[in-house]
């Protein structure tokens, strides 16, 4: 199956999961998995949250930033892959001037 992100509209989510500013996202959801291209502007973040019923894999396409994963800071840059397993918590922050752009996969169980 192929889906084209360029054909999806960019949605803006203010204070996503309690984070700062907003994220821009193009998403695809088939009922089992959520695939997302996300953009976090400078000073923006995804709020800290626990993956109680699922996990998340994040691949950084461009930009820099960091995650706080179970209380530990981990730096992000182009080519980084961050994994947050079920039962763990994380937040993601863009502390650089360029947008932090990433591809994420969240299975829904």
PDB file of N, CA and C in Angstrom:
ATOM      1  N   UNK A   1       0.845  -1.177   0.000  1.00  0.00           N
ATOM      2  CA  UNK A   1       0.000   0.000   0.000  1.00  0.00           C
ATOM      3  C   UNK A   1       0.890   1.239   0.000  1.00  0.00           C
ATOM      4  N   UNK A   2       0.526   2.191  -0.801  1.00  0.00           N
ATOM      5  CA  UNK A   2       1.242   3.469  -0.853  1.00  0.00           C
ATOM      6  C   UNK A   2       0.245   4.576  -0.561  1.00  0.00           C
ATOM      7  N   UNK A   3       0.662   5.523   0.262  1.00  0.00           N
ATOM      8  CA  UNK A   3      -0.143   6.725   0.462  1.00  0.00           C
ATOM      9  C   UNK A   3       0.775   7.923   0.292  1.00  0.00           C
ATOM     10  N   UNK A   4       0.216   8.989  -0.240  1.00  0.00           N
ATOM     11  CA  UNK A   4       0.982  10.172  -0.597  1.00  0.00           C
ATOM     12  C   UNK A   4       0.749  11.286   0.425  1.00  0.00           C
ATOM     13  N   UNK A   5       1.778  11.607   1.188  1.00  0.00           N
ATOM     14  CA  UNK A   5       1.644  12.673   2.173  1.00  0.00           C
ATOM     15  C   UNK A   5       1.431  14.030   1.523  1.00  0.00           C
ATOM     16  N   UNK A   6       1.976  14.223   0.336  1.00  0.00           N
ATOM     17  CA  UNK A   6       1.821  15.511  -0.337  1.00  0.00           C
ATOM     18  C   UNK A   6       0.363  15.807  -0.666  1.00  0.00           C
ATOM     19  N   UNK A   7      -0.469  14.765  -0.721  1.00  0.00           N
ATOM     20  CA  UNK A   7      -1.883  14.951  -1.023  1.00  0.00           C
ATOM     21  C   UNK A   7      -2.708  15.220   0.244  1.00  0.00           C
ATOM     22  N   UNK A   8      -2.130  15.033   1.421  1.00  0.00           N
ATOM     23  CA  UNK A   8      -2.824  15.289   2.686  1.00  0.00           C
ATOM     24  C   UNK A   8      -2.632  16.734   3.099  1.00  0.00           C
ATOM     25  N   UNK A   9      -3.641  17.286   3.747  1.00  0.00           N
ATOM     26  CA  UNK A   9      -3.532  18.636   4.284  1.00  0.00           C
ATOM     27  C   UNK A   9      -2.749  18.626   5.585  1.00  0.00           C
ATOM     28  N   UNK A  10      -1.962  19.655   5.785  1.00  0.00           N
ATOM     29  CA  UNK A  10      -1.226  19.817   7.035  1.00  0.00           C
ATOM     30  C   UNK A  10      -2.211  20.296   8.103  1.00  0.00           C
ATOM     31  N   UNK A  11      -2.322  19.548   9.185  1.00  0.00           N
ATOM     32  CA  UNK A  11      -3.167  19.940  10.304  1.00  0.00           C
ATOM     33  C   UNK A  11      -2.287  20.575  11.367  1.00  0.00           C
ATOM     34  N   UNK A  12      -2.832  21.552  12.069  1.00  0.00           N
ATOM     35  CA  UNK A  12      -2.097  22.231  13.130  1.00  0.00           C
ATOM     36  C   UNK A  12      -2.733  21.857  14.464  1.00  0.00           C
ATOM     37  N   UNK A  13      -1.914  21.347  15.404  1.00  0.00           N
ATOM     38  CA  UNK A  13      -2.380  20.950  16.725  1.00  0.00           C
ATOM     39  C   UNK A  13      -1.722  21.845  17.766  1.00  0.00           C
ATOM     40  N   UNK A  14      -2.506  22.775  18.313  1.00  0.00           N
ATOM     41  CA  UNK A  14      -2.003  23.697  19.332  1.00  0.00           C
ATOM     42  C   UNK A  14      -1.727  22.941  20.630  1.00  0.00           C
ATOM     43  N   UNK A  15      -0.613  23.250  21.262  1.00  0.00           N
ATOM     44  CA  UNK A  15      -0.253  22.687  22.571  1.00  0.00           C
ATOM     45  C   UNK A  15      -0.477  21.172  22.616  1.00  0.00           C
ATOM     46  N   UNK A  16       0.054  20.471  21.622  1.00  0.00           N
ATOM     47  CA  UNK A  16      -0.163  19.028  21.474  1.00  0.00           C
ATOM     48  C   UNK A  16       0.288  18.267  22.717  1.00  0.00           C
ATOM     49  N   UNK A  17      -0.618  17.539  23.312  1.00  0.00           N
ATOM     50  CA  UNK A  17      -0.393  16.754  24.528  1.00  0.00           C
ATOM     51  C   UNK A  17       0.154  17.621  25.667  1.00  0.00           C
ATOM     52  N   UNK A  18      -0.216  18.911  25.657  1.00  0.00           N
ATOM     53  CA  UNK A  18       0.226  19.842  26.695  1.00  0.00           C
ATOM     54  C   UNK A  18       1.550  20.517  26.399  1.00  0.00           C
ATOM     55  N   UNK A  19       2.054  20.356  25.165  1.00  0.00           N
ATOM     56  CA  UNK A  19       3.333  20.950  24.791  1.00  0.00           C
ATOM     57  C   UNK A  19       3.245  22.432  24.488  1.00  0.00           C
ATOM     58  N   UNK A  20       4.383  23.016  24.146  1.00  0.00           N
ATOM     59  CA  UNK A  20       4.487  24.433  23.803  1.00  0.00           C
ATOM     60  C   UNK A  20       4.193  24.649  22.326  1.00  0.00           C
ATOM     61  N   UNK A  21       3.636  25.803  22.016  1.00  0.00           N
ATOM     62  CA  UNK A  21       3.316  26.223  20.645  1.00  0.00           C
ATOM     63  C   UNK A  21       2.390  25.200  19.978  1.00  0.00           C
ATOM     64  N   UNK A  22       2.858  24.567  18.901  1.00  0.00           N
ATOM     65  CA  UNK A  22       2.016  23.652  18.136  1.00  0.00           C
ATOM     66  C   UNK A  22       2.893  22.652  17.389  1.00  0.00           C
ATOM     67  N   UNK A  23       2.260  21.639  16.826  1.00  0.00           N
ATOM     68  CA  UNK A  23       2.927  20.810  15.826  1.00  0.00           C
ATOM     69  C   UNK A  23       2.071  20.852  14.578  1.00  0.00           C
ATOM     70  N   UNK A  24       2.715  20.759  13.443  1.00  0.00           N
ATOM     71  CA  UNK A  24       2.017  20.585  12.176  1.00  0.00           C
ATOM     72  C   UNK A  24       2.152  19.120  11.814  1.00  0.00           C
ATOM     73  N   UNK A  25       1.089  18.507  11.301  1.00  0.00           N
ATOM     74  CA  UNK A  25       1.157  17.077  11.012  1.00  0.00           C
ATOM     75  C   UNK A  25       0.313  16.697   9.806  1.00  0.00           C
ATOM     76  N   UNK A  26       0.820  15.739   9.068  1.00  0.00           N
ATOM     77  CA  UNK A  26       0.075  15.054   8.017  1.00  0.00           C
ATOM     78  C   UNK A  26      -0.016  13.614   8.468  1.00  0.00           C
ATOM     79  N   UNK A  27      -1.239  13.120   8.638  1.00  0.00           N
ATOM     80  CA  UNK A  27      -1.425  11.783   9.215  1.00  0.00           C
ATOM     81  C   UNK A  27      -2.202  10.857   8.306  1.00  0.00           C
ATOM     82  N   UNK A  28      -1.924   9.578   8.506  1.00  0.00           N
ATOM     83  CA  UNK A  28      -2.693   8.513   7.881  1.00  0.00           C
ATOM     84  C   UNK A  28      -2.984   7.492   8.975  1.00  0.00           C
ATOM     85  N   UNK A  29      -4.239   7.060   9.091  1.00  0.00           N
ATOM     86  CA  UNK A  29      -4.635   6.084  10.101  1.00  0.00           C
ATOM     87  C   UNK A  29      -5.526   5.049   9.438  1.00  0.00           C
ATOM     88  N   UNK A  30      -5.137   3.771   9.576  1.00  0.00           N
ATOM     89  CA  UNK A  30      -5.918   2.693   8.954  1.00  0.00           C
ATOM     90  C   UNK A  30      -6.716   1.879   9.975  1.00  0.00           C
ATOM     91  N   UNK A  31      -6.803   2.363  11.207  1.00  0.00           N
ATOM     92  CA  UNK A  31      -7.498   1.639  12.252  1.00  0.00           C
ATOM     93  C   UNK A  31      -6.571   0.763  13.080  1.00  0.00           C
ATOM     94  N   UNK A  32      -5.389   0.476  12.558  1.00  0.00           N
ATOM     95  CA  UNK A  32      -4.402  -0.336  13.267  1.00  0.00           C
ATOM     96  C   UNK A  32      -3.126   0.423  13.581  1.00  0.00           C
ATOM     97  N   UNK A  33      -2.720   1.299  12.671  1.00  0.00           N
ATOM     98  CA  UNK A  33      -1.478   2.055  12.820  1.00  0.00           C
ATOM     99  C   UNK A  33      -1.701   3.502  12.412  1.00  0.00           C
ATOM    100  N   UNK A  34      -0.996   4.397  13.097  1.00  0.00           N
ATOM    101  CA  UNK A  34      -1.018   5.809  12.744  1.00  0.00           C
ATOM    102  C   UNK A  34       0.379   6.149  12.219  1.00  0.00           C
ATOM    103  N   UNK A  35       0.432   6.721  11.010  1.00  0.00           N
ATOM    104  CA  UNK A  35       1.671   7.166  10.383  1.00  0.00           C
ATOM    105  C   UNK A  35       1.598   8.683  10.295  1.00  0.00           C
ATOM    106  N   UNK A  36       2.678   9.367  10.641  1.00  0.00           N
ATOM    107  CA  UNK A  36       2.614  10.821  10.685  1.00  0.00           C
ATOM    108  C   UNK A  36       3.935  11.448  10.271  1.00  0.00           C
ATOM    109  N   UNK A  37       3.835  12.486   9.455  1.00  0.00           N
ATOM    110  CA  UNK A  37       4.950  13.401   9.211  1.00  0.00           C
ATOM    111  C   UNK A  37       4.653  14.600  10.094  1.00  0.00           C
ATOM    112  N   UNK A  38       5.545  14.915  11.026  1.00  0.00           N
ATOM    113  CA  UNK A  38       5.323  16.016  11.957  1.00  0.00           C
ATOM    114  C   UNK A  38       6.358  17.106  11.799  1.00  0.00           C
ATOM    115  N   UNK A  39       5.962  18.332  12.125  1.00  0.00           N
ATOM    116  CA  UNK A  39       6.831  19.511  12.097  1.00  0.00           C
ATOM    117  C   UNK A  39       6.673  20.217  13.432  1.00  0.00           C
ATOM    118  N   UNK A  40       7.772  20.432  14.126  1.00  0.00           N
ATOM    119  CA  UNK A  40       7.745  21.201  15.368  1.00  0.00           C
ATOM    120  C   UNK A  40       8.573  22.461  15.144  1.00  0.00           C
ATOM    121  N   UNK A  41       7.981  23.656  15.340  1.00  0.00           N
ATOM    122  CA  UNK A  41       8.744  24.892  15.140  1.00  0.00           C
ATOM    123  C   UNK A  41       9.696  25.145  16.306  1.00  0.00           C
ATOM    124  N   UNK A  42      10.593  26.086  16.111  1.00  0.00           N
ATOM    125  CA  UNK A  42      11.519  26.493  17.166  1.00  0.00           C
ATOM    126  C   UNK A  42      10.729  26.875  18.417  1.00  0.00           C
ATOM    127  N   UNK A  43      11.105  26.316  19.561  1.00  0.00           N
ATOM    128  CA  UNK A  43      10.433  26.601  20.820  1.00  0.00           C
ATOM    129  C   UNK A  43       9.184  25.772  21.058  1.00  0.00           C
ATOM    130  N   UNK A  44       8.846  24.924  20.103  1.00  0.00           N
ATOM    131  CA  UNK A  44       7.664  24.079  20.242  1.00  0.00           C
ATOM    132  C   UNK A  44       8.020  22.723  20.823  1.00  0.00           C
ATOM    133  N   UNK A  45       6.993  22.025  21.293  1.00  0.00           N
ATOM    134  CA  UNK A  45       7.220  20.698  21.856  1.00  0.00           C
ATOM    135  C   UNK A  45       5.951  19.863  21.819  1.00  0.00           C
ATOM    136  N   UNK A  46       6.147  18.567  21.951  1.00  0.00           N
ATOM    137  CA  UNK A  46       5.073  17.617  22.230  1.00  0.00           C
ATOM    138  C   UNK A  46       5.132  17.402  23.736  1.00  0.00           C
ATOM    139  N   UNK A  47       4.021  17.573  24.427  1.00  0.00           N
ATOM    140  CA  UNK A  47       4.013  17.430  25.877  1.00  0.00           C
ATOM    141  C   UNK A  47       4.346  16.018  26.326  1.00  0.00           C
ATOM    142  N   UNK A  48       4.865  15.917  27.542  1.00  0.00           N
ATOM    143  CA  UNK A  48       5.213  14.610  28.102  1.00  0.00           C
ATOM    144  C   UNK A  48       3.954  13.752  28.234  1.00  0.00           C
ATOM    145  N   UNK A  49       4.068  12.506  27.792  1.00  0.00           N
ATOM    146  CA  UNK A  49       2.946  11.575  27.869  1.00  0.00           C
ATOM    147  C   UNK A  49       3.463  10.146  27.977  1.00  0.00           C
ATOM    148  N   UNK A  50       2.646   9.285  28.546  1.00  0.00           N
ATOM    149  CA  UNK A  50       2.974   7.863  28.710  1.00  0.00           C
ATOM    150  C   UNK A  50       2.284   7.074  27.608  1.00  0.00           C
ATOM    151  N   UNK A  51       2.997   6.145  27.023  1.00  0.00           N
ATOM    152  CA  UNK A  51       2.404   5.232  26.044  1.00  0.00           C
ATOM    153  C   UNK A  51       1.857   4.029  26.811  1.00  0.00           C
ATOM    154  N   UNK A  52       0.628   4.178  27.283  1.00  0.00           N
ATOM    155  CA  UNK A  52       0.015   3.152  28.131  1.00  0.00           C
ATOM    156  C   UNK A  52      -0.431   1.920  27.357  1.00  0.00           C
ATOM    157  N   UNK A  53      -0.883   2.104  26.113  1.00  0.00           N
ATOM    158  CA  UNK A  53      -1.427   0.963  25.357  1.00  0.00           C
ATOM    159  C   UNK A  53      -0.703   0.705  24.048  1.00  0.00           C
ATOM    160  N   UNK A  54       0.293   1.525  23.730  1.00  0.00           N
ATOM    161  CA  UNK A  54       1.003   1.362  22.459  1.00  0.00           C
ATOM    162  C   UNK A  54       2.449   1.838  22.601  1.00  0.00           C
ATOM    163  N   UNK A  55       3.152   1.855  21.495  1.00  0.00           N
ATOM    164  CA  UNK A  55       4.533   2.339  21.452  1.00  0.00           C
ATOM    165  C   UNK A  55       4.620   3.394  20.351  1.00  0.00           C
ATOM    166  N   UNK A  56       5.800   3.984  20.179  1.00  0.00           N
ATOM    167  CA  UNK A  56       5.998   4.957  19.105  1.00  0.00           C
ATOM    168  C   UNK A  56       7.444   4.895  18.626  1.00  0.00           C
ATOM    169  N   UNK A  57       7.605   4.955  17.308  1.00  0.00           N
ATOM    170  CA  UNK A  57       8.921   5.034  16.675  1.00  0.00           C
ATOM    171  C   UNK A  57       8.966   6.354  15.924  1.00  0.00           C
ATOM    172  N   UNK A  58      10.030   7.127  16.149  1.00  0.00           N
ATOM    173  CA  UNK A  58      10.182   8.441  15.526  1.00  0.00           C
ATOM    174  C   UNK A  58      11.522   8.482  14.789  1.00  0.00           C
ATOM    175  N   UNK A  59      11.475   8.831  13.502  1.00  0.00           N
ATOM    176  CA  UNK A  59      12.674   8.987  12.672  1.00  0.00           C
ATOM    177  C   UNK A  59      12.792  10.462  12.298  1.00  0.00           C
ATOM    178  N   UNK A  60      13.926  11.083  12.607  1.00  0.00           N
ATOM    179  CA  UNK A  60      14.124  12.507  12.324  1.00  0.00           C
ATOM    180  C   UNK A  60      14.579  12.681  10.874  1.00  0.00           C
ATOM    181  N   UNK A  61      13.769  13.432  10.128  1.00  0.00           N
ATOM    182  CA  UNK A  61      14.054  13.715   8.720  1.00  0.00           C
ATOM    183  C   UNK A  61      14.989  14.912   8.596  1.00  0.00           C
ATOM    184  N   UNK A  62      14.730  15.961   9.386  1.00  0.00           N
ATOM    185  CA  UNK A  62      15.603  17.137   9.371  1.00  0.00           C
ATOM    186  C   UNK A  62      15.424  17.926  10.661  1.00  0.00           C
ATOM    187  N   UNK A  63      16.396  18.767  10.930  1.00  0.00           N
ATOM    188  CA  UNK A  63      16.357  19.582  12.137  1.00  0.00           C
ATOM    189  C   UNK A  63      17.029  18.901  13.313  1.00  0.00           C
ATOM    190  N   UNK A  64      16.948  19.566  14.451  1.00  0.00           N
ATOM    191  CA  UNK A  64      17.565  19.096  15.687  1.00  0.00           C
ATOM    192  C   UNK A  64      16.637  19.377  16.850  1.00  0.00           C
ATOM    193  N   UNK A  65      16.849  18.670  17.926  1.00  0.00           N
ATOM    194  CA  UNK A  65      16.078  18.870  19.140  1.00  0.00           C
ATOM    195  C   UNK A  65      16.467  17.802  20.140  1.00  0.00           C
ATOM    196  N   UNK A  66      15.536  17.480  21.013  1.00  0.00           N
ATOM    197  CA  UNK A  66      15.804  16.418  21.980  1.00  0.00           C
ATOM    198  C   UNK A  66      14.498  15.813  22.472  1.00  0.00           C
ATOM    199  N   UNK A  67      14.623  14.616  23.053  1.00  0.00           N
ATOM    200  CA  UNK A  67      13.518  13.993  23.772  1.00  0.00           C
ATOM    201  C   UNK A  67      13.951  13.852  25.228  1.00  0.00           C
ATOM    202  N   UNK A  68      12.966  13.850  26.101  1.00  0.00           N
ATOM    203  CA  UNK A  68      13.180  13.426  27.477  1.00  0.00           C
ATOM    204  C   UNK A  68      12.440  12.096  27.563  1.00  0.00           C
ATOM    205  N   UNK A  69      13.196  11.030  27.691  1.00  0.00           N
ATOM    206  CA  UNK A  69      12.660   9.673  27.696  1.00  0.00           C
ATOM    207  C   UNK A  69      12.877   9.078  29.085  1.00  0.00           C
ATOM    208  N   UNK A  70      11.786   8.821  29.788  1.00  0.00           N
ATOM    209  CA  UNK A  70      11.867   8.306  31.153  1.00  0.00           C
ATOM    210  C   UNK A  70      12.852   9.114  32.009  1.00  0.00           C
ATOM    211  N   UNK A  71      12.794  10.444  31.849  1.00  0.00           N
ATOM    212  CA  UNK A  71      13.613  11.340  32.663  1.00  0.00           C
ATOM    213  C   UNK A  71      15.007  11.613  32.134  1.00  0.00           C
ATOM    214  N   UNK A  72      15.416  10.969  31.048  1.00  0.00           N
ATOM    215  CA  UNK A  72      16.754  11.155  30.496  1.00  0.00           C
ATOM    216  C   UNK A  72      16.696  11.921  29.178  1.00  0.00           C
ATOM    217  N   UNK A  73      17.536  12.929  29.051  1.00  0.00           N
ATOM    218  CA  UNK A  73      17.596  13.718  27.813  1.00  0.00           C
ATOM    219  C   UNK A  73      18.394  12.956  26.754  1.00  0.00           C
ATOM    220  N   UNK A  74      17.834  12.892  25.547  1.00  0.00           N
ATOM    221  CA  UNK A  74      18.499  12.267  24.399  1.00  0.00           C
ATOM    222  C   UNK A  74      18.434  13.244  23.231  1.00  0.00           C
ATOM    223  N   UNK A  75      19.572  13.552  22.637  1.00  0.00           N
ATOM    224  CA  UNK A  75      19.646  14.515  21.532  1.00  0.00           C
ATOM    225  C   UNK A  75      19.120  13.891  20.240  1.00  0.00           C
ATOM    226  N   UNK A  76      18.446  14.715  19.442  1.00  0.00           N
ATOM    227  CA  UNK A  76      17.918  14.298  18.146  1.00  0.00           C
ATOM    228  C   UNK A  76      18.576  15.108  17.035  1.00  0.00           C
ATOM    229  N   UNK A  77      18.844  14.467  15.917  1.00  0.00           N
ATOM    230  CA  UNK A  77      19.361  15.136  14.724  1.00  0.00           C
ATOM    231  C   UNK A  77      18.929  14.313  13.513  1.00  0.00           C
ATOM    232  N   UNK A  78      19.161  14.825  12.341  1.00  0.00           N
ATOM    233  CA  UNK A  78      18.794  14.127  11.112  1.00  0.00           C
ATOM    234  C   UNK A  78      19.336  12.701  11.158  1.00  0.00           C
ATOM    235  N   UNK A  79      18.458  11.733  10.929  1.00  0.00           N
ATOM    236  CA  UNK A  79      18.851  10.324  10.924  1.00  0.00           C
ATOM    237  C   UNK A  79      18.661   9.622  12.256  1.00  0.00           C
ATOM    238  N   UNK A  80      18.376  10.365  13.334  1.00  0.00           N
ATOM    239  CA  UNK A  80      18.127   9.742  14.645  1.00  0.00           C
ATOM    240  C   UNK A  80      16.810   8.975  14.621  1.00  0.00           C
ATOM    241  N   UNK A  81      16.776   7.868  15.350  1.00  0.00           N
ATOM    242  CA  UNK A  81      15.541   7.124  15.569  1.00  0.00           C
ATOM    243  C   UNK A  81      15.328   7.028  17.074  1.00  0.00           C
ATOM    244  N   UNK A  82      14.163   7.488  17.526  1.00  0.00           N
ATOM    245  CA  UNK A  82      13.788   7.397  18.937  1.00  0.00           C
ATOM    246  C   UNK A  82      12.658   6.380  19.049  1.00  0.00           C
ATOM    247  N   UNK A  83      12.763   5.494  20.028  1.00  0.00           N
ATOM    248  CA  UNK A  83      11.736   4.478  20.272  1.00  0.00           C
ATOM    249  C   UNK A  83      11.227   4.639  21.697  1.00  0.00           C
ATOM    250  N   UNK A  84       9.907   4.740  21.843  1.00  0.00           N
ATOM    251  CA  UNK A  84       9.277   4.808  23.159  1.00  0.00           C
ATOM    252  C   UNK A  84       8.361   3.586  23.281  1.00  0.00           C
ATOM    253  N   UNK A  85       8.795   2.554  24.017  1.00  0.00           N
ATOM    254  CA  UNK A  85       7.984   1.339  24.155  1.00  0.00           C
ATOM    255  C   UNK A  85       6.750   1.556  25.036  1.00  0.00           C
ATOM    256  N   UNK A  86       5.840   0.642  24.917  1.00  0.00           N
ATOM    257  CA  UNK A  86       4.639   0.635  25.752  1.00  0.00           C
ATOM    258  C   UNK A  86       5.048   0.707  27.221  1.00  0.00           C
ATOM    259  N   UNK A  87       4.344   1.567  27.981  1.00  0.00           N
ATOM    260  CA  UNK A  87       4.616   1.706  29.410  1.00  0.00           C
ATOM    261  C   UNK A  87       5.643   2.754  29.760  1.00  0.00           C
ATOM    262  N   UNK A  88       6.236   3.410  28.750  1.00  0.00           N
ATOM    263  CA  UNK A  88       7.259   4.430  28.991  1.00  0.00           C
ATOM    264  C   UNK A  88       6.727   5.798  28.599  1.00  0.00           C
ATOM    265  N   UNK A  89       7.440   6.853  29.052  1.00  0.00           N
ATOM    266  CA  UNK A  89       6.993   8.211  28.751  1.00  0.00           C
ATOM    267  C   UNK A  89       8.088   8.996  28.055  1.00  0.00           C
ATOM    268  N   UNK A  90       7.626   9.992  27.292  1.00  0.00           N
ATOM    269  CA  UNK A  90       8.575  10.859  26.592  1.00  0.00           C
ATOM    270  C   UNK A  90       7.928  12.195  26.253  1.00  0.00           C
ATOM    271  N   UNK A  91       8.776  13.141  25.907  1.00  0.00           N
ATOM    272  CA  UNK A  91       8.402  14.436  25.358  1.00  0.00           C
ATOM    273  C   UNK A  91       9.438  14.759  24.282  1.00  0.00           C
ATOM    274  N   UNK A  92       9.082  15.595  23.320  1.00  0.00           N
ATOM    275  CA  UNK A  92      10.011  15.964  22.256  1.00  0.00           C
ATOM    276  C   UNK A  92      10.001  17.488  22.111  1.00  0.00           C
ATOM    277  N   UNK A  93      11.201  18.082  22.009  1.00  0.00           N
ATOM    278  CA  UNK A  93      11.358  19.535  22.015  1.00  0.00           C
ATOM    279  C   UNK A  93      12.255  19.964  20.864  1.00  0.00           C
ATOM    280  N   UNK A  94      11.867  21.059  20.199  1.00  0.00           N
ATOM    281  CA  UNK A  94      12.735  21.676  19.198  1.00  0.00           C
ATOM    282  C   UNK A  94      13.364  22.915  19.823  1.00  0.00           C
ATOM    283  N   UNK A  95      14.657  22.846  20.099  1.00  0.00           N
ATOM    284  CA  UNK A  95      15.383  23.985  20.666  1.00  0.00           C
ATOM    285  C   UNK A  95      16.347  24.614  19.661  1.00  0.00           C
ATOM    286  N   UNK A  96      16.104  24.370  18.367  1.00  0.00           N
ATOM    287  CA  UNK A  96      16.912  24.948  17.292  1.00  0.00           C
ATOM    288  C   UNK A  96      16.005  25.764  16.373  1.00  0.00           C
ATOM    289  N   UNK A  97      16.578  26.687  15.608  1.00  0.00           N
ATOM    290  CA  UNK A  97      15.786  27.592  14.779  1.00  0.00           C
ATOM    291  C   UNK A  97      15.081  26.908  13.622  1.00  0.00           C
ATOM    292  N   UNK A  98      15.658  25.860  13.068  1.00  0.00           N
ATOM    293  CA  UNK A  98      15.041  25.125  11.953  1.00  0.00           C
ATOM    294  C   UNK A  98      13.939  24.213  12.495  1.00  0.00           C
ATOM    295  N   UNK A  99      12.853  24.048  11.724  1.00  0.00           N
ATOM    296  CA  UNK A  99      11.813  23.100  12.127  1.00  0.00           C
ATOM    297  C   UNK A  99      12.396  21.719  12.348  1.00  0.00           C
ATOM    298  N   UNK A 100      11.901  21.021  13.351  1.00  0.00           N
ATOM    299  CA  UNK A 100      12.224  19.618  13.585  1.00  0.00           C
ATOM    300  C   UNK A 100      11.163  18.814  12.830  1.00  0.00           C
ATOM    301  N   UNK A 101      11.594  18.075  11.806  1.00  0.00           N
ATOM    302  CA  UNK A 101      10.680  17.322  10.949  1.00  0.00           C
ATOM    303  C   UNK A 101      10.948  15.840  11.164  1.00  0.00           C
ATOM    304  N   UNK A 102       9.883  15.070  11.377  1.00  0.00           N
ATOM    305  CA  UNK A 102      10.048  13.655  11.698  1.00  0.00           C
ATOM    306  C   UNK A 102       8.921  12.807  11.121  1.00  0.00           C
ATOM    307  N   UNK A 103       9.178  11.524  11.022  1.00  0.00           N
ATOM    308  CA  UNK A 103       8.196  10.535  10.617  1.00  0.00           C
ATOM    309  C   UNK A 103       7.959   9.636  11.829  1.00  0.00           C
ATOM    310  N   UNK A 104       6.712   9.445  12.212  1.00  0.00           N
ATOM    311  CA  UNK A 104       6.387   8.639  13.385  1.00  0.00           C
ATOM    312  C   UNK A 104       5.392   7.542  13.028  1.00  0.00           C
ATOM    313  N   UNK A 105       5.533   6.405  13.703  1.00  0.00           N
ATOM    314  CA  UNK A 105       4.605   5.283  13.582  1.00  0.00           C
ATOM    315  C   UNK A 105       4.133   4.921  14.974  1.00  0.00           C
ATOM    316  N   UNK A 106       2.806   4.884  15.142  1.00  0.00           N
ATOM    317  CA  UNK A 106       2.200   4.513  16.423  1.00  0.00           C
ATOM    318  C   UNK A 106       1.196   3.401  16.149  1.00  0.00           C
ATOM    319  N   UNK A 107       1.530   2.153  16.542  1.00  0.00           N
ATOM    320  CA  UNK A 107       0.543   1.080  16.399  1.00  0.00           C
ATOM    321  C   UNK A 107      -0.553   1.269  17.449  1.00  0.00           C
ATOM    322  N   UNK A 108      -1.760   0.971  17.086  1.00  0.00           N
ATOM    323  CA  UNK A 108      -2.895   1.197  18.002  1.00  0.00           C
ATOM    324  C   UNK A 108      -3.257  -0.060  18.762  1.00  0.00           C
ATOM    325  N   UNK A 109      -2.370  -0.823  19.273  1.00  0.00           N
ATOM    326  CA  UNK A 109      -2.550  -1.983  20.152  1.00  0.00           C
ATOM    327  C   UNK A 109      -1.549  -3.036  19.805  1.00  0.00           C
TER     328      UNK A 109
END
